[in-house]
Amino acid sequence: MKIRQWTITIIILAAVISGLYAYKLSLQESASQGTEMFEPSATVNATVAVRVDYQKTLKVSGEVQAFKSLSLHNELAGQIIKLNAKSGSLAKKGQILVEIDHRDEDARLIAAQAQLTLTKQTHRRYLKLKKNNEISDELVDQAQASVEIAKSEVAILETTISKKKLRAPFEAKVGIHNLEMGQYLDNNSNVLSLIGVNEYTWIDFHLPQVYRELSVGSLVKVKPMNQATSFDAIIIAIDPQLARQSRSLKYRAQIKSSLLALKPNTLVSVYSPIAASISLISVPDVAITRDPLGSYVFVLESEGEGAYRAKQVKVILGERSIDTVMVLSGLDEGALIATKGAFKLFPEVKVFIAESLAANTADKK
């Protein structure tokens, strides 16, 4: 009885195995008779590796300096009778900003001018008398001295009145103040601050002494903190000595205010060259793939009909500049490389270039 049961079990297992084997053969036959399997591929963006002139730079902080600036003080005390200096307004050269009460000086000036007129008339009469020897030389000299004394008194009063009219020494913008009409000012008060208006903006910055010294006329890049664009500025002055504490050298660069107009004391980034210019291959940062063994790019080799084959090339990278990377070695100029989407490639995979970039890539080649 047991032999019969074992025999039935063996027959069933053999039938199941035979059925599975037959099913596998039928699947293989169907696959061979059906459509051919497609080779896996990937679609990426691409660009041509270009050679550029690259100069290593150092980023330091810079500060905008006023072309002209001063604090306006009054030499003489008095009450404000005229105020023509609105906070933040533009003042022309020679414009009266603040006028202090000078009525006493005006009255005394009238008397001094009258006295000067009288002494001049007396002097002229004495000269006529002297021609006829009707008067001594001493009286003529006294009359001449009286004229000079009267002129001096007039000049003193005119100077005093002028000192009570505070004028803008150059075209400038007026700082914020709290002056009011009728306000009394003590002598030597800090009345106003003036910031000169000029066609150039000055930027001061420092470079450590370990780097080579720049020369007057050298170019640096200036980038405001709140802008993405950088601007060329030219070195116009170099401090003759190093700073004692930082051992750094101070430079002053200027840029036209029409290109970059910044308020004094504004902080900016300055990119200063610290090495000679060299020629390097530049590629987008997105084209670089990295692993523990190094950095790579995928060079695309044409197979015709718009298809390419990916070849993994190891590269030695240099400095990064915004969204591009300098390649020191490993890549030839003009090579077609994968950019966006390069992360999904592997060696010898079939590649197609995105249609939107195909025309541009063809033009570059």
Protein backbone atom coordinates (compact mmCIF):
# COMPACT_ATOMS: atom_id res chain seq x y z
CA MET A 1 0.00 0.00 0.00
CA LYS A 2 2.81 2.42 0.85
CA ILE A 3 4.60 1.62 -2.38
CA ARG A 4 1.48 2.55 -4.32
CA GLN A 5 1.16 5.92 -2.54
CA TRP A 6 4.79 6.79 -3.20
CA THR A 7 4.42 5.83 -6.81
CA ILE A 8 1.38 8.13 -7.24
CA THR A 9 3.25 11.01 -5.53
CA ILE A 10 6.30 10.62 -7.79
CA ILE A 11 4.08 10.57 -10.89
CA ILE A 12 2.32 13.81 -9.80
CA LEU A 13 5.63 15.61 -9.12
CA ALA A 14 7.00 14.52 -12.48
CA ALA A 15 3.87 15.82 -14.18
CA VAL A 16 4.16 19.22 -12.41
CA ILE A 17 7.85 19.60 -13.31
CA SER A 18 7.16 18.63 -16.91
CA GLY A 19 4.34 21.16 -17.10
CA LEU A 20 6.49 24.00 -15.73
CA TYR A 21 9.28 23.17 -18.15
CA ALA A 22 6.86 23.15 -21.05
CA TYR A 23 5.44 26.51 -19.97
CA LYS A 24 8.94 28.04 -19.85
CA LEU A 25 9.71 26.76 -23.35
CA SER A 26 6.47 28.24 -24.64
CA LEU A 27 7.33 31.66 -23.16
CA GLN A 28 10.78 31.62 -24.75
CA GLU A 29 9.31 30.66 -28.09
CA SER A 30 6.74 33.48 -27.85
CA ALA A 31 9.48 35.99 -27.03
CA SER A 32 11.58 34.86 -29.97
CA GLN A 33 8.61 35.16 -32.31
CA GLY A 34 7.46 38.56 -30.92
CA THR A 35 8.95 42.03 -31.36
CA GLU A 36 12.66 42.61 -30.63
CA MET A 37 13.56 44.06 -27.13
CA PHE A 38 14.70 47.74 -27.11
CA GLU A 39 18.12 48.81 -25.74
CA PRO A 40 17.82 51.03 -22.63
CA SER A 41 18.62 54.71 -23.25
CA ALA A 42 18.53 58.13 -21.57
CA THR A 43 17.76 61.66 -22.67
CA VAL A 44 19.91 64.50 -21.35
CA ASN A 45 20.90 68.09 -22.06
CA ALA A 46 24.35 68.66 -23.50
CA THR A 47 26.90 71.36 -24.16
CA VAL A 48 30.34 71.75 -25.66
CA ALA A 49 33.36 72.15 -23.37
CA VAL A 50 34.87 75.58 -24.02
CA ARG A 51 38.24 77.09 -23.12
CA VAL A 52 38.22 80.38 -21.21
CA ASP A 53 40.79 82.73 -19.69
CA TYR A 54 40.60 82.19 -15.94
CA GLN A 55 42.21 84.21 -13.18
CA LYS A 56 42.11 83.09 -9.57
CA THR A 57 40.50 85.68 -7.31
CA LEU A 58 40.09 86.29 -3.59
CA LYS A 59 36.82 87.52 -2.13
CA VAL A 60 37.19 90.23 0.52
CA SER A 61 34.87 92.80 2.06
CA GLY A 62 34.95 96.39 0.86
CA GLU A 63 33.38 99.61 2.08
CA VAL A 64 32.02 102.48 0.02
CA GLN A 65 33.63 105.81 0.84
CA ALA A 66 32.21 109.27 0.25
CA PHE A 67 34.02 111.21 -2.48
CA LYS A 68 33.65 114.34 -0.30
CA SER A 69 32.12 114.62 3.14
CA LEU A 70 32.25 117.11 5.99
CA SER A 71 30.50 118.29 9.12
CA LEU A 72 29.49 121.95 8.84
CA HIS A 73 30.09 123.99 12.03
CA ASN A 74 29.23 127.60 12.82
CA GLU A 75 32.05 129.82 14.03
CA LEU A 76 29.74 132.46 15.54
CA ALA A 77 26.73 132.01 17.79
CA GLY A 78 23.26 133.31 17.00
CA GLN A 79 19.66 132.62 16.10
CA ILE A 80 18.70 130.92 12.82
CA ILE A 81 16.80 133.34 10.59
CA LYS A 82 17.00 131.36 7.33
CA LEU A 83 16.99 127.60 6.78
CA ASN A 84 17.42 126.28 3.25
CA ALA A 85 18.64 122.74 3.96
CA LYS A 86 15.93 120.11 3.90
CA SER A 87 17.11 116.74 5.18
CA GLY A 88 18.24 114.56 2.30
CA SER A 89 17.99 117.34 -0.28
CA LEU A 90 20.59 118.24 -2.89
CA ALA A 91 22.51 121.44 -2.22
CA LYS A 92 24.32 123.33 -4.98
CA LYS A 93 27.83 124.69 -4.51
CA GLY A 94 27.67 128.12 -2.81
CA GLN A 95 24.03 127.70 -1.73
CA ILE A 96 23.21 129.31 1.64
CA LEU A 97 22.07 126.46 3.89
CA VAL A 98 21.74 128.21 7.27
CA GLU A 99 21.77 131.93 7.99
CA ILE A 100 22.31 133.27 11.51
CA ASP A 101 20.94 136.61 12.70
CA HIS A 102 23.35 139.41 11.69
CA ARG A 103 21.22 142.56 12.07
CA ASP A 104 23.67 144.14 14.52
CA GLU A 105 26.51 143.65 12.05
CA ASP A 106 24.37 145.07 9.24
CA ALA A 107 23.77 148.28 11.21
CA ARG A 108 27.43 148.62 12.12
CA LEU A 109 28.38 147.98 8.49
CA ILE A 110 26.27 150.96 7.38
CA ALA A 111 28.11 153.20 9.80
CA ALA A 112 31.49 151.80 8.78
CA GLN A 113 30.76 152.32 5.09
CA ALA A 114 29.72 155.91 5.79
CA GLN A 115 32.92 156.50 7.74
CA LEU A 116 34.92 155.01 4.84
CA THR A 117 33.25 157.37 2.40
CA LEU A 118 34.04 160.35 4.63
CA THR A 119 37.69 159.40 5.07
CA LYS A 120 38.10 158.95 1.31
CA GLN A 121 36.68 162.39 0.66
CA THR A 122 38.97 163.93 3.28
CA HIS A 123 41.95 162.15 1.77
CA ARG A 124 41.15 163.48 -1.72
CA ARG A 125 40.89 167.07 -0.43
CA TYR A 126 44.18 166.73 1.40
CA LEU A 127 45.85 165.54 -1.78
CA LYS A 128 44.66 168.63 -3.67
CA LEU A 129 45.91 170.89 -0.90
CA LYS A 130 49.22 169.08 -0.86
CA LYS A 131 49.79 169.90 -4.54
CA ASN A 132 49.78 173.60 -3.64
CA ASN A 133 51.87 173.00 -0.52
CA GLU A 134 48.99 174.20 1.62
CA ILE A 135 49.10 171.19 3.96
CA SER A 136 51.80 169.10 5.53
CA ASP A 137 52.71 165.55 4.54
CA GLU A 138 51.80 164.35 8.00
CA LEU A 139 48.12 165.30 7.59
CA VAL A 140 48.01 163.54 4.20
CA ASP A 141 49.49 160.41 5.75
CA GLN A 142 46.97 160.54 8.59
CA ALA A 143 44.12 160.82 6.10
CA GLN A 144 45.49 157.84 4.14
CA ALA A 145 45.71 155.81 7.36
CA SER A 146 42.13 156.75 8.26
CA VAL A 147 40.99 155.40 4.89
CA GLU A 148 42.76 152.08 5.48
CA ILE A 149 41.36 151.79 9.00
CA ALA A 150 37.84 152.44 7.69
CA LYS A 151 38.34 149.80 4.95
CA SER A 152 39.49 147.33 7.60
CA GLU A 153 36.39 147.96 9.72
CA VAL A 154 34.14 147.40 6.71
CA ALA A 155 36.01 144.18 5.80
CA ILE A 156 35.71 142.86 9.37
CA LEU A 157 31.97 143.41 9.44
CA GLU A 158 31.48 141.92 5.96
CA THR A 159 33.50 138.85 7.02
CA THR A 160 31.44 138.50 10.19
CA ILE A 161 28.20 138.64 8.20
CA SER A 162 29.60 136.10 5.71
CA LYS A 163 30.51 133.72 8.56
CA LYS A 164 26.88 133.81 9.67
CA LYS A 165 25.77 132.58 6.25
CA LEU A 166 26.74 128.91 6.11
CA ARG A 167 27.16 127.87 2.47
CA ALA A 168 27.68 124.51 0.77
CA PRO A 169 31.37 124.34 -0.25
CA PHE A 170 30.54 121.78 -2.99
CA GLU A 171 27.55 120.04 -4.50
CA ALA A 172 26.31 117.66 -1.85
CA LYS A 173 23.39 115.92 -0.22
CA VAL A 174 22.28 117.22 3.17
CA GLY A 175 22.24 114.77 6.07
CA ILE A 176 19.25 114.34 8.37
CA HIS A 177 19.07 117.09 11.00
CA ASN A 178 16.69 118.66 13.55
CA LEU A 179 17.28 122.34 12.87
CA GLU A 180 14.37 124.77 13.11
CA MET A 181 13.81 128.44 12.31
CA GLY A 182 14.51 130.62 15.38
CA GLN A 183 16.73 128.01 16.99
CA TYR A 184 19.76 129.41 18.83
CA LEU A 185 23.13 127.92 17.93
CA ASP A 186 26.16 128.15 20.18
CA ASN A 187 29.45 128.84 18.47
CA ASN A 188 31.20 125.79 16.98
CA SER A 189 28.01 123.70 16.94
CA ASN A 190 27.77 120.71 14.60
CA VAL A 191 25.14 122.16 12.28
CA LEU A 192 24.93 119.85 9.25
CA SER A 193 26.62 116.89 7.61
CA LEU A 194 27.22 117.04 3.87
CA ILE A 195 27.98 114.12 1.51
CA GLY A 196 29.49 115.19 -1.80
CA VAL A 197 27.95 114.21 -5.13
CA ASN A 198 30.40 113.02 -7.77
CA GLU A 199 30.50 110.97 -10.96
CA TYR A 200 32.59 108.28 -9.22
CA THR A 201 32.02 105.92 -6.30
CA TRP A 202 35.01 104.91 -4.15
CA ILE A 203 35.45 101.45 -2.61
CA ASP A 204 38.15 100.76 -0.01
CA PHE A 205 39.31 97.20 0.73
CA HIS A 206 42.28 95.32 2.20
CA LEU A 207 44.35 92.38 0.93
CA PRO A 208 46.62 90.26 3.19
CA GLN A 209 50.33 90.72 2.62
CA VAL A 210 50.76 87.06 1.54
CA TYR A 211 49.27 87.89 -1.85
CA ARG A 212 51.03 89.78 -4.61
CA GLU A 213 50.57 93.54 -4.60
CA LEU A 214 48.19 94.98 -7.16
CA SER A 215 49.17 98.00 -9.23
CA VAL A 216 47.35 101.24 -9.91
CA GLY A 217 45.09 100.66 -12.90
CA SER A 218 44.37 97.01 -12.07
CA LEU A 219 40.75 95.83 -12.30
CA VAL A 220 38.73 94.21 -9.53
CA LYS A 221 35.14 93.00 -9.43
CA VAL A 222 32.69 94.68 -7.07
CA LYS A 223 29.44 92.96 -6.12
CA PRO A 224 26.82 94.63 -3.87
CA MET A 225 25.38 92.42 -1.16
CA ASN A 226 21.82 92.67 -2.53
CA GLN A 227 22.62 92.19 -6.23
CA ALA A 228 23.65 89.24 -8.39
CA THR A 229 25.63 91.34 -10.88
CA SER A 230 29.27 92.32 -10.39
CA PHE A 231 30.92 95.46 -11.78
CA ASP A 232 34.46 96.32 -12.86
CA ALA A 233 36.28 98.86 -10.71
CA ILE A 234 39.77 100.29 -11.28
CA ILE A 235 42.44 100.69 -8.58
CA ILE A 236 43.28 104.39 -8.18
CA ALA A 237 45.32 104.43 -4.97
CA ILE A 238 47.41 102.12 -2.78
CA ASP A 239 48.30 102.83 0.84
CA PRO A 240 52.09 103.24 1.24
CA GLN A 241 52.15 101.05 4.38
CA LEU A 242 50.58 97.88 5.77
CA ALA A 243 48.02 98.03 8.54
CA ARG A 244 49.83 97.38 11.81
CA GLN A 245 47.28 94.96 13.32
CA SER A 246 46.07 93.00 10.28
CA ARG A 247 49.27 93.19 8.17
CA SER A 248 47.12 93.90 5.15
CA LEU A 249 47.46 96.50 2.42
CA LYS A 250 44.70 99.02 1.77
CA TYR A 251 43.48 99.75 -1.76
CA ARG A 252 40.99 102.24 -3.18
CA ALA A 253 39.03 101.43 -6.33
CA GLN A 254 36.59 103.63 -8.16
CA ILE A 255 33.64 103.00 -10.43
CA LYS A 256 31.35 105.39 -12.27
CA SER A 257 28.28 106.28 -10.22
CA SER A 258 26.15 105.83 -13.34
CA LEU A 259 27.02 102.10 -13.17
CA LEU A 260 26.96 101.63 -9.42
CA ALA A 261 25.69 104.30 -7.05
CA LEU A 262 25.93 103.22 -3.42
CA LYS A 263 25.67 105.17 -0.20
CA PRO A 264 28.84 105.75 1.86
CA ASN A 265 29.69 103.00 4.38
CA THR A 266 27.84 100.37 2.32
CA LEU A 267 29.49 96.94 2.52
CA VAL A 268 30.28 95.20 -0.77
CA SER A 269 32.14 92.09 -1.89
CA VAL A 270 35.38 92.68 -3.80
CA TYR A 271 36.87 89.94 -5.99
CA SER A 272 40.56 90.70 -6.39
CA PRO A 273 42.95 88.82 -8.74
CA ILE A 274 45.71 87.03 -6.83
CA ALA A 275 47.34 85.04 -9.65
CA ALA A 276 48.17 85.36 -13.34
CA SER A 277 45.50 84.57 -15.94
CA ILE A 278 45.56 81.03 -17.42
CA SER A 279 43.55 79.21 -20.08
CA LEU A 280 41.30 76.40 -18.76
CA ILE A 281 38.34 74.29 -19.86
CA SER A 282 35.06 75.49 -18.33
CA VAL A 283 32.04 73.20 -17.85
CA PRO A 284 28.72 73.62 -16.01
CA ASP A 285 28.75 72.31 -12.46
CA VAL A 286 25.69 70.16 -13.23
CA ALA A 287 27.81 68.15 -15.71
CA ILE A 288 30.06 66.83 -12.92
CA THR A 289 29.30 63.47 -11.31
CA ARG A 290 31.20 62.46 -8.22
CA ASP A 291 31.96 59.28 -6.32
CA PRO A 292 34.54 58.23 -3.71
CA LEU A 293 37.10 57.63 -6.48
CA GLY A 294 36.93 61.12 -8.01
CA SER A 295 35.00 63.43 -10.35
CA TYR A 296 33.76 62.54 -13.82
CA VAL A 297 31.97 63.90 -16.88
CA PHE A 298 30.18 61.91 -19.56
CA VAL A 299 31.49 62.60 -23.05
CA LEU A 300 28.89 61.89 -25.74
CA GLU A 301 30.24 60.16 -28.87
CA SER A 302 27.96 60.27 -31.91
CA GLU A 303 26.58 57.03 -33.38
CA GLY A 304 24.54 58.73 -36.10
CA GLU A 305 20.81 59.39 -36.48
CA GLY A 306 20.79 61.58 -33.36
CA ALA A 307 22.06 58.85 -31.04
CA TYR A 308 25.14 59.05 -28.83
CA ARG A 309 27.13 56.69 -26.63
CA ALA A 310 28.17 57.84 -23.12
CA LYS A 311 31.83 57.59 -22.21
CA GLN A 312 32.83 58.25 -18.61
CA VAL A 313 35.91 60.48 -18.35
CA LYS A 314 37.72 61.27 -15.10
CA VAL A 315 38.64 64.93 -14.64
CA ILE A 316 40.71 66.99 -12.22
CA LEU A 317 38.74 70.04 -11.10
CA GLY A 318 39.95 73.53 -10.24
CA GLU A 319 38.15 76.57 -8.88
CA ARG A 320 34.41 77.03 -9.08
CA SER A 321 32.96 80.27 -10.51
CA ILE A 322 29.26 80.76 -9.79
CA ASP A 323 27.65 77.83 -11.69
CA THR A 324 30.69 76.67 -13.69
CA VAL A 325 33.78 74.65 -12.76
CA MET A 326 37.29 74.90 -14.17
CA VAL A 327 38.79 71.61 -15.41
CA LEU A 328 42.55 71.32 -14.90
CA SER A 329 42.99 68.06 -16.86
CA GLY A 330 41.16 65.11 -18.37
CA LEU A 331 38.87 66.89 -20.84
CA ASP A 332 39.53 68.26 -24.32
CA GLU A 333 38.22 71.52 -25.70
CA GLY A 334 35.18 71.04 -27.96
CA ALA A 335 34.09 67.73 -26.42
CA LEU A 336 30.31 67.24 -26.24
CA ILE A 337 29.37 66.51 -22.62
CA ALA A 338 26.12 65.71 -20.83
CA THR A 339 24.85 68.39 -18.46
CA LYS A 340 21.35 68.27 -17.00
CA GLY A 341 20.46 64.61 -16.47
CA ALA A 342 24.08 63.39 -16.42
CA PHE A 343 23.51 61.78 -13.01
CA LYS A 344 21.39 59.00 -14.59
CA LEU A 345 24.05 57.93 -17.14
CA PHE A 346 26.49 55.04 -16.94
CA PRO A 347 29.32 53.94 -19.27
CA GLU A 348 28.30 52.86 -22.79
CA VAL A 349 24.60 53.72 -22.30
CA LYS A 350 22.77 54.98 -25.36
CA VAL A 351 21.98 58.70 -25.12
CA PHE A 352 19.71 61.14 -26.88
CA ILE A 353 20.04 64.92 -26.56
CA ALA A 354 16.96 66.89 -25.49
CA GLU A 355 15.28 68.33 -28.55
CA SER A 356 15.34 71.88 -27.17
CA LEU A 357 19.16 71.85 -27.15
CA ALA A 358 19.85 69.80 -30.23
CA ALA A 359 19.99 72.81 -32.57
CA ASN A 360 22.33 74.77 -30.26
CA THR A 361 24.63 71.78 -29.86
CA ALA A 362 24.81 71.31 -33.62
CA ASP A 363 25.72 75.00 -34.09
CA LYS A 364 28.55 74.75 -31.52
CA LYS A 365 29.98 71.69 -33.24
